[in-house]
ModelCIF file with pLDDT and N, C-alpha, C, O atoms, coordinates in Angstrom:
data_MODEL
#
_entry.id   MODEL 
#
_entity.id                         1 
_entity.type                       polymer 
_entity.pdbx_number_of_molecules   1 
#
_entity_poly.entity_id                      1 
_entity_poly.type                           'polypeptide(L)' 
_entity_poly.nstd_linkage                   no 
_entity_poly.nstd_monomer                   no 
_entity_poly.pdbx_seq_one_letter_code       LHRDDPPIVVSGCVGPRGDGYAADATMTAAAAERYHE 
_entity_poly.pdbx_seq_one_letter_code_can   LHRDDPPIVVSGCVGPRGDGYAADATMTAAAAERYHE 
_entity_poly.pdbx_strand_id                 A 
#
loop_
_entity_poly_seq.entity_id 
_entity_poly_seq.num 
_entity_poly_seq.mon_id 
_entity_poly_seq.hetero 
1 1  LEU n 
1 2  HIS n 
1 3  ARG n 
1 4  ASP n 
1 5  ASP n 
1 6  PRO n 
1 7  PRO n 
1 8  ILE n 
1 9  VAL n 
1 10 VAL n 
1 11 SER n 
1 12 GLY n 
1 13 CYS n 
1 14 VAL n 
1 15 GLY n 
1 16 PRO n 
1 17 ARG n 
1 18 GLY n 
1 19 ASP n 
1 20 GLY n 
1 21 TYR n 
1 22 ALA n 
1 23 ALA n 
1 24 ASP n 
1 25 ALA n 
1 26 THR n 
1 27 MET n 
1 28 THR n 
1 29 ALA n 
1 30 ALA n 
1 31 ALA n 
1 32 ALA n 
1 33 GLU n 
1 34 ARG n 
1 35 TYR n 
1 36 HIS n 
1 37 GLU n 
#
_struct_asym.id          A 
_struct_asym.entity_id   1 
#
loop_
_ma_qa_metric.id 
_ma_qa_metric.mode 
_ma_qa_metric.name 
_ma_qa_metric.software_group_id 
_ma_qa_metric.type 
1 global pLDDT . pLDDT 
2 local  pLDDT . pLDDT 
#
_ma_qa_metric_global.metric_id      1 
_ma_qa_metric_global.metric_value   93.84 
_ma_qa_metric_global.model_id       1 
_ma_qa_metric_global.ordinal_id     1 
#
loop_
_ma_qa_metric_local.label_asym_id 
_ma_qa_metric_local.label_comp_id 
_ma_qa_metric_local.label_seq_id 
_ma_qa_metric_local.metric_id 
_ma_qa_metric_local.metric_value 
_ma_qa_metric_local.model_id 
_ma_qa_metric_local.ordinal_id 
A LEU 1  2 89.00 1 1  
A HIS 2  2 83.00 1 2  
A ARG 3  2 85.00 1 3  
A ASP 4  2 86.00 1 4  
A ASP 5  2 85.00 1 5  
A PRO 6  2 85.00 1 6  
A PRO 7  2 91.00 1 7  
A ILE 8  2 94.00 1 8  
A VAL 9  2 96.00 1 9  
A VAL 10 2 97.00 1 10 
A SER 11 2 98.00 1 11 
A GLY 12 2 98.00 1 12 
A CYS 13 2 98.00 1 13 
A VAL 14 2 98.00 1 14 
A GLY 15 2 98.00 1 15 
A PRO 16 2 98.00 1 16 
A ARG 17 2 97.00 1 17 
A GLY 18 2 95.00 1 18 
A ASP 19 2 93.00 1 19 
A GLY 20 2 92.00 1 20 
A TYR 21 2 90.00 1 21 
A ALA 22 2 91.00 1 22 
A ALA 23 2 91.00 1 23 
A ASP 24 2 85.00 1 24 
A ALA 25 2 87.00 1 25 
A THR 26 2 95.00 1 26 
A MET 27 2 97.00 1 27 
A THR 28 2 98.00 1 28 
A ALA 29 2 98.00 1 29 
A ALA 30 2 98.00 1 30 
A ALA 31 2 98.00 1 31 
A ALA 32 2 98.00 1 32 
A GLU 33 2 98.00 1 33 
A ARG 34 2 98.00 1 34 
A TYR 35 2 98.00 1 35 
A HIS 36 2 98.00 1 36 
A GLU 37 2 98.00 1 37 
#
loop_
_atom_site.group_PDB 
_atom_site.id 
_atom_site.type_symbol 
_atom_site.label_atom_id 
_atom_site.label_alt_id 
_atom_site.label_comp_id 
_atom_site.label_asym_id 
_atom_site.label_entity_id 
_atom_site.label_seq_id 
_atom_site.pdbx_PDB_ins_code 
_atom_site.Cartn_x 
_atom_site.Cartn_y 
_atom_site.Cartn_z 
_atom_site.occupancy 
_atom_site.B_iso_or_equiv 
_atom_site.pdbx_formal_charge 
_atom_site.auth_seq_id 
_atom_site.auth_comp_id 
_atom_site.auth_asym_id 
_atom_site.auth_atom_id 
_atom_site.pdbx_PDB_model_num 
ATOM 1   N N  . LEU A 1 1  ? -17.154 2.660  -9.597  1.00 89.00 ? 1  LEU A N  1 
ATOM 2   C CA . LEU A 1 1  ? -18.005 3.332  -8.109  1.00 89.00 ? 1  LEU A CA 1 
ATOM 3   C C  . LEU A 1 1  ? -17.464 5.323  -8.588  1.00 89.00 ? 1  LEU A C  1 
ATOM 4   O O  . LEU A 1 1  ? -17.916 6.345  -8.072  1.00 89.00 ? 1  LEU A O  1 
ATOM 5   N N  . HIS A 1 2  ? -16.522 5.218  -9.576  1.00 83.00 ? 2  HIS A N  1 
ATOM 6   C CA . HIS A 1 2  ? -16.386 6.434  -9.632  1.00 83.00 ? 2  HIS A CA 1 
ATOM 7   C C  . HIS A 1 2  ? -16.952 7.583  -9.933  1.00 83.00 ? 2  HIS A C  1 
ATOM 8   O O  . HIS A 1 2  ? -17.660 7.449  -10.931 1.00 83.00 ? 2  HIS A O  1 
ATOM 9   N N  . ARG A 1 3  ? -16.954 8.808  -9.448  1.00 85.00 ? 3  ARG A N  1 
ATOM 10  C CA . ARG A 1 3  ? -18.007 9.829  -9.575  1.00 85.00 ? 3  ARG A CA 1 
ATOM 11  C C  . ARG A 1 3  ? -17.048 11.245 -9.595  1.00 85.00 ? 3  ARG A C  1 
ATOM 12  O O  . ARG A 1 3  ? -15.825 11.358 -9.509  1.00 85.00 ? 3  ARG A O  1 
ATOM 13  N N  . ASP A 1 4  ? -17.986 12.151 -9.728  1.00 86.00 ? 4  ASP A N  1 
ATOM 14  C CA . ASP A 1 4  ? -16.915 13.506 -9.438  1.00 86.00 ? 4  ASP A CA 1 
ATOM 15  C C  . ASP A 1 4  ? -17.845 14.380 -8.615  1.00 86.00 ? 4  ASP A C  1 
ATOM 16  O O  . ASP A 1 4  ? -17.366 15.504 -8.463  1.00 86.00 ? 4  ASP A O  1 
ATOM 17  N N  . ASP A 1 5  ? -19.060 14.206 -8.020  1.00 85.00 ? 5  ASP A N  1 
ATOM 18  C CA . ASP A 1 5  ? -19.722 15.118 -6.905  1.00 85.00 ? 5  ASP A CA 1 
ATOM 19  C C  . ASP A 1 5  ? -20.573 14.265 -6.195  1.00 85.00 ? 5  ASP A C  1 
ATOM 20  O O  . ASP A 1 5  ? -21.430 13.549 -6.711  1.00 85.00 ? 5  ASP A O  1 
ATOM 21  N N  . PRO A 1 6  ? -20.245 14.382 -4.640  1.00 85.00 ? 6  PRO A N  1 
ATOM 22  C CA . PRO A 1 6  ? -18.712 14.696 -4.174  1.00 85.00 ? 6  PRO A CA 1 
ATOM 23  C C  . PRO A 1 6  ? -17.889 13.440 -4.883  1.00 85.00 ? 6  PRO A C  1 
ATOM 24  O O  . PRO A 1 6  ? -18.366 12.425 -5.391  1.00 85.00 ? 6  PRO A O  1 
ATOM 25  N N  . PRO A 1 7  ? -16.620 13.801 -4.764  1.00 91.00 ? 7  PRO A N  1 
ATOM 26  C CA . PRO A 1 7  ? -16.029 13.187 -5.843  1.00 91.00 ? 7  PRO A CA 1 
ATOM 27  C C  . PRO A 1 7  ? -15.638 11.705 -4.845  1.00 91.00 ? 7  PRO A C  1 
ATOM 28  O O  . PRO A 1 7  ? -15.761 11.586 -3.626  1.00 91.00 ? 7  PRO A O  1 
ATOM 29  N N  . ILE A 1 8  ? -15.093 10.591 -5.943  1.00 94.00 ? 8  ILE A N  1 
ATOM 30  C CA . ILE A 1 8  ? -14.324 9.390  -5.322  1.00 94.00 ? 8  ILE A CA 1 
ATOM 31  C C  . ILE A 1 8  ? -13.247 9.580  -5.759  1.00 94.00 ? 8  ILE A C  1 
ATOM 32  O O  . ILE A 1 8  ? -13.236 9.887  -6.951  1.00 94.00 ? 8  ILE A O  1 
ATOM 33  N N  . VAL A 1 9  ? -12.125 9.509  -5.171  1.00 96.00 ? 9  VAL A N  1 
ATOM 34  C CA . VAL A 1 9  ? -10.776 9.310  -5.759  1.00 96.00 ? 9  VAL A CA 1 
ATOM 35  C C  . VAL A 1 9  ? -10.040 7.980  -5.913  1.00 96.00 ? 9  VAL A C  1 
ATOM 36  O O  . VAL A 1 9  ? -9.822  7.245  -4.951  1.00 96.00 ? 9  VAL A O  1 
ATOM 37  N N  . VAL A 1 10 ? -9.709  7.735  -7.025  1.00 97.00 ? 10 VAL A N  1 
ATOM 38  C CA . VAL A 1 10 ? -9.232  6.286  -7.279  1.00 97.00 ? 10 VAL A CA 1 
ATOM 39  C C  . VAL A 1 10 ? -7.715  6.071  -6.965  1.00 97.00 ? 10 VAL A C  1 
ATOM 40  O O  . VAL A 1 10 ? -6.860  6.443  -7.769  1.00 97.00 ? 10 VAL A O  1 
ATOM 41  N N  . SER A 1 11 ? -7.409  5.492  -5.835  1.00 98.00 ? 11 SER A N  1 
ATOM 42  C CA . SER A 1 11 ? -6.059  5.331  -5.559  1.00 98.00 ? 11 SER A CA 1 
ATOM 43  C C  . SER A 1 11 ? -5.368  4.267  -6.058  1.00 98.00 ? 11 SER A C  1 
ATOM 44  O O  . SER A 1 11 ? -5.993  3.208  -5.990  1.00 98.00 ? 11 SER A O  1 
ATOM 45  N N  . GLY A 1 12 ? -4.124  4.200  -6.605  1.00 98.00 ? 12 GLY A N  1 
ATOM 46  C CA . GLY A 1 12 ? -3.761  3.162  -6.603  1.00 98.00 ? 12 GLY A CA 1 
ATOM 47  C C  . GLY A 1 12 ? -2.532  2.500  -5.533  1.00 98.00 ? 12 GLY A C  1 
ATOM 48  O O  . GLY A 1 12 ? -1.483  3.105  -5.315  1.00 98.00 ? 12 GLY A O  1 
ATOM 49  N N  . CYS A 1 13 ? -2.853  1.209  -4.941  1.00 98.00 ? 13 CYS A N  1 
ATOM 50  C CA . CYS A 1 13 ? -2.508  1.353  -3.787  1.00 98.00 ? 13 CYS A CA 1 
ATOM 51  C C  . CYS A 1 13 ? -1.116  0.655  -3.925  1.00 98.00 ? 13 CYS A C  1 
ATOM 52  O O  . CYS A 1 13 ? -1.180  -0.272 -4.732  1.00 98.00 ? 13 CYS A O  1 
ATOM 53  N N  . VAL A 1 14 ? 0.178   0.835  -3.351  1.00 98.00 ? 14 VAL A N  1 
ATOM 54  C CA . VAL A 1 14 ? 1.313   0.169  -3.170  1.00 98.00 ? 14 VAL A CA 1 
ATOM 55  C C  . VAL A 1 14 ? 1.851   -0.082 -1.656  1.00 98.00 ? 14 VAL A C  1 
ATOM 56  O O  . VAL A 1 14 ? 1.687   0.599  -0.644  1.00 98.00 ? 14 VAL A O  1 
ATOM 57  N N  . GLY A 1 15 ? 2.519   -1.247 -1.850  1.00 98.00 ? 15 GLY A N  1 
ATOM 58  C CA . GLY A 1 15 ? 2.922   -1.650 -0.149  1.00 98.00 ? 15 GLY A CA 1 
ATOM 59  C C  . GLY A 1 15 ? 4.367   -1.656 -0.021  1.00 98.00 ? 15 GLY A C  1 
ATOM 60  O O  . GLY A 1 15 ? 4.849   -1.522 -1.146  1.00 98.00 ? 15 GLY A O  1 
ATOM 61  N N  . PRO A 1 16 ? 5.014   -1.727 0.621   1.00 98.00 ? 16 PRO A N  1 
ATOM 62  C CA . PRO A 1 16 ? 6.618   -1.971 1.213   1.00 98.00 ? 16 PRO A CA 1 
ATOM 63  C C  . PRO A 1 16 ? 6.679   -3.190 0.676   1.00 98.00 ? 16 PRO A C  1 
ATOM 64  O O  . PRO A 1 16 ? 5.931   -4.167 0.710   1.00 98.00 ? 16 PRO A O  1 
ATOM 65  N N  . ARG A 1 17 ? 7.941   -2.904 0.060   1.00 97.00 ? 17 ARG A N  1 
ATOM 66  C CA . ARG A 1 17 ? 8.484   -4.759 -0.680  1.00 97.00 ? 17 ARG A CA 1 
ATOM 67  C C  . ARG A 1 17 ? 8.736   -5.232 0.635   1.00 97.00 ? 17 ARG A C  1 
ATOM 68  O O  . ARG A 1 17 ? 8.263   -6.368 0.590   1.00 97.00 ? 17 ARG A O  1 
ATOM 69  N N  . GLY A 1 18 ? 9.286   -5.028 2.020   1.00 95.00 ? 18 GLY A N  1 
ATOM 70  C CA . GLY A 1 18 ? 9.582   -5.928 2.676   1.00 95.00 ? 18 GLY A CA 1 
ATOM 71  C C  . GLY A 1 18 ? 8.039   -6.217 3.784   1.00 95.00 ? 18 GLY A C  1 
ATOM 72  O O  . GLY A 1 18 ? 6.870   -6.107 3.415   1.00 95.00 ? 18 GLY A O  1 
ATOM 73  N N  . ASP A 1 19 ? 8.541   -6.608 5.199   1.00 93.00 ? 19 ASP A N  1 
ATOM 74  C CA . ASP A 1 19 ? 7.388   -6.353 5.932   1.00 93.00 ? 19 ASP A CA 1 
ATOM 75  C C  . ASP A 1 19 ? 6.822   -4.950 6.290   1.00 93.00 ? 19 ASP A C  1 
ATOM 76  O O  . ASP A 1 19 ? 7.583   -3.992 6.154   1.00 93.00 ? 19 ASP A O  1 
ATOM 77  N N  . GLY A 1 20 ? 5.810   -4.783 6.644   1.00 92.00 ? 20 GLY A N  1 
ATOM 78  C CA . GLY A 1 20 ? 5.072   -3.473 7.216   1.00 92.00 ? 20 GLY A CA 1 
ATOM 79  C C  . GLY A 1 20 ? 5.385   -3.335 8.240   1.00 92.00 ? 20 GLY A C  1 
ATOM 80  O O  . GLY A 1 20 ? 5.064   -2.215 8.637   1.00 92.00 ? 20 GLY A O  1 
ATOM 81  N N  . TYR A 1 21 ? 5.876   -3.903 8.948   1.00 90.00 ? 21 TYR A N  1 
ATOM 82  C CA . TYR A 1 21 ? 6.067   -3.821 10.805  1.00 90.00 ? 21 TYR A CA 1 
ATOM 83  C C  . TYR A 1 21 ? 7.457   -3.340 10.873  1.00 90.00 ? 21 TYR A C  1 
ATOM 84  O O  . TYR A 1 21 ? 7.815   -2.446 11.640  1.00 90.00 ? 21 TYR A O  1 
ATOM 85  N N  . ALA A 1 22 ? 8.357   -4.059 9.917   1.00 91.00 ? 22 ALA A N  1 
ATOM 86  C CA . ALA A 1 22 ? 10.120  -3.980 10.653  1.00 91.00 ? 22 ALA A CA 1 
ATOM 87  C C  . ALA A 1 22 ? 10.499  -3.694 8.962   1.00 91.00 ? 22 ALA A C  1 
ATOM 88  O O  . ALA A 1 22 ? 9.935   -3.952 7.898   1.00 91.00 ? 22 ALA A O  1 
ATOM 89  N N  . ALA A 1 23 ? 11.798  -3.002 9.374   1.00 91.00 ? 23 ALA A N  1 
ATOM 90  C CA . ALA A 1 23 ? 12.583  -2.326 7.963   1.00 91.00 ? 23 ALA A CA 1 
ATOM 91  C C  . ALA A 1 23 ? 14.000  -3.250 8.320   1.00 91.00 ? 23 ALA A C  1 
ATOM 92  O O  . ALA A 1 23 ? 15.113  -2.824 8.628   1.00 91.00 ? 23 ALA A O  1 
ATOM 93  N N  . ASP A 1 24 ? 13.610  -4.439 8.188   1.00 85.00 ? 24 ASP A N  1 
ATOM 94  C CA . ASP A 1 24 ? 14.810  -5.732 8.302   1.00 85.00 ? 24 ASP A CA 1 
ATOM 95  C C  . ASP A 1 24 ? 15.615  -5.743 6.883   1.00 85.00 ? 24 ASP A C  1 
ATOM 96  O O  . ASP A 1 24 ? 16.823  -5.910 6.711   1.00 85.00 ? 24 ASP A O  1 
ATOM 97  N N  . ALA A 1 25 ? 14.612  -5.520 5.939   1.00 87.00 ? 25 ALA A N  1 
ATOM 98  C CA . ALA A 1 25 ? 15.440  -5.443 4.581   1.00 87.00 ? 25 ALA A CA 1 
ATOM 99  C C  . ALA A 1 25 ? 15.573  -4.415 3.555   1.00 87.00 ? 25 ALA A C  1 
ATOM 100 O O  . ALA A 1 25 ? 15.069  -4.586 2.444   1.00 87.00 ? 25 ALA A O  1 
ATOM 101 N N  . THR A 1 26 ? 16.328  -3.182 3.907   1.00 95.00 ? 26 THR A N  1 
ATOM 102 C CA . THR A 1 26 ? 16.213  -1.981 3.035   1.00 95.00 ? 26 THR A CA 1 
ATOM 103 C C  . THR A 1 26 ? 16.834  -1.743 1.692   1.00 95.00 ? 26 THR A C  1 
ATOM 104 O O  . THR A 1 26 ? 17.878  -2.238 1.268   1.00 95.00 ? 26 THR A O  1 
ATOM 105 N N  . MET A 1 27 ? 16.129  -1.016 1.171   1.00 97.00 ? 27 MET A N  1 
ATOM 106 C CA . MET A 1 27 ? 16.711  -0.783 -0.248  1.00 97.00 ? 27 MET A CA 1 
ATOM 107 C C  . MET A 1 27 ? 17.293  0.651  -0.471  1.00 97.00 ? 27 MET A C  1 
ATOM 108 O O  . MET A 1 27 ? 16.777  1.542  0.204   1.00 97.00 ? 27 MET A O  1 
ATOM 109 N N  . THR A 1 28 ? 18.175  0.948  -1.220  1.00 98.00 ? 28 THR A N  1 
ATOM 110 C CA . THR A 1 28 ? 18.666  2.260  -1.916  1.00 98.00 ? 28 THR A CA 1 
ATOM 111 C C  . THR A 1 28 ? 16.956  3.030  -2.876  1.00 98.00 ? 28 THR A C  1 
ATOM 112 O O  . THR A 1 28 ? 16.000  2.444  -3.384  1.00 98.00 ? 28 THR A O  1 
ATOM 113 N N  . ALA A 1 29 ? 17.219  4.221  -2.767  1.00 98.00 ? 29 ALA A N  1 
ATOM 114 C CA . ALA A 1 29 ? 16.022  4.994  -3.331  1.00 98.00 ? 29 ALA A CA 1 
ATOM 115 C C  . ALA A 1 29 ? 16.084  4.476  -4.870  1.00 98.00 ? 29 ALA A C  1 
ATOM 116 O O  . ALA A 1 29 ? 15.073  4.593  -5.563  1.00 98.00 ? 29 ALA A O  1 
ATOM 117 N N  . ALA A 1 30 ? 17.249  3.914  -5.396  1.00 98.00 ? 30 ALA A N  1 
ATOM 118 C CA . ALA A 1 30 ? 17.255  3.407  -6.932  1.00 98.00 ? 30 ALA A CA 1 
ATOM 119 C C  . ALA A 1 30 ? 17.029  2.162  -6.826  1.00 98.00 ? 30 ALA A C  1 
ATOM 120 O O  . ALA A 1 30 ? 16.791  1.718  -7.949  1.00 98.00 ? 30 ALA A O  1 
ATOM 121 N N  . ALA A 1 31 ? 16.981  1.342  -6.018  1.00 98.00 ? 31 ALA A N  1 
ATOM 122 C CA . ALA A 1 31 ? 16.522  -0.067 -5.880  1.00 98.00 ? 31 ALA A CA 1 
ATOM 123 C C  . ALA A 1 31 ? 15.303  -0.117 -5.895  1.00 98.00 ? 31 ALA A C  1 
ATOM 124 O O  . ALA A 1 31 ? 14.765  -0.858 -6.718  1.00 98.00 ? 31 ALA A O  1 
ATOM 125 N N  . ALA A 1 32 ? 14.411  0.759  -4.870  1.00 98.00 ? 32 ALA A N  1 
ATOM 126 C CA . ALA A 1 32 ? 13.253  0.989  -4.889  1.00 98.00 ? 32 ALA A CA 1 
ATOM 127 C C  . ALA A 1 32 ? 12.444  1.451  -6.004  1.00 98.00 ? 32 ALA A C  1 
ATOM 128 O O  . ALA A 1 32 ? 11.270  1.135  -6.193  1.00 98.00 ? 32 ALA A O  1 
ATOM 129 N N  . GLU A 1 33 ? 13.039  2.100  -6.616  1.00 98.00 ? 33 GLU A N  1 
ATOM 130 C CA . GLU A 1 33 ? 12.816  2.472  -7.945  1.00 98.00 ? 33 GLU A CA 1 
ATOM 131 C C  . GLU A 1 33 ? 12.457  1.225  -9.084  1.00 98.00 ? 33 GLU A C  1 
ATOM 132 O O  . GLU A 1 33 ? 11.347  0.944  -9.537  1.00 98.00 ? 33 GLU A O  1 
ATOM 133 N N  . ARG A 1 34 ? 13.464  0.734  -9.314  1.00 98.00 ? 34 ARG A N  1 
ATOM 134 C CA . ARG A 1 34 ? 13.472  -0.721 -10.149 1.00 98.00 ? 34 ARG A CA 1 
ATOM 135 C C  . ARG A 1 34 ? 12.419  -1.552 -9.512  1.00 98.00 ? 34 ARG A C  1 
ATOM 136 O O  . ARG A 1 34 ? 11.749  -2.185 -10.328 1.00 98.00 ? 34 ARG A O  1 
ATOM 137 N N  . TYR A 1 35 ? 12.099  -1.714 -8.262  1.00 98.00 ? 35 TYR A N  1 
ATOM 138 C CA . TYR A 1 35 ? 11.056  -2.844 -7.708  1.00 98.00 ? 35 TYR A CA 1 
ATOM 139 C C  . TYR A 1 35 ? 9.673   -2.273 -7.730  1.00 98.00 ? 35 TYR A C  1 
ATOM 140 O O  . TYR A 1 35 ? 8.841   -3.144 -7.984  1.00 98.00 ? 35 TYR A O  1 
ATOM 141 N N  . HIS A 1 36 ? 9.231   -1.234 -7.566  1.00 98.00 ? 36 HIS A N  1 
ATOM 142 C CA . HIS A 1 36 ? 7.979   -0.409 -7.549  1.00 98.00 ? 36 HIS A CA 1 
ATOM 143 C C  . HIS A 1 36 ? 7.696   -0.363 -9.138  1.00 98.00 ? 36 HIS A C  1 
ATOM 144 O O  . HIS A 1 36 ? 6.625   -0.733 -9.621  1.00 98.00 ? 36 HIS A O  1 
ATOM 145 N N  . GLU A 1 37 ? 8.598   0.051  -9.768  1.00 98.00 ? 37 GLU A N  1 
ATOM 146 C CA . GLU A 1 37 ? 8.374   0.510  -11.509 1.00 98.00 ? 37 GLU A CA 1 
ATOM 147 C C  . GLU A 1 37 ? 7.315   -0.415 -12.260 1.00 98.00 ? 37 GLU A C  1 
ATOM 148 O O  . GLU A 1 37 ? 7.060   -0.221 -13.448 1.00 98.00 ? 37 GLU A O  1 
#
């Protein structure tokens, strides 16, 4: 579907490692880097 006029931006979607409604299991920023890399 990609085009330039009007533009369609292709965005790579990343979700949370845990539940999107709760922060019951958190990571440090460094751990998040390793997981999402």
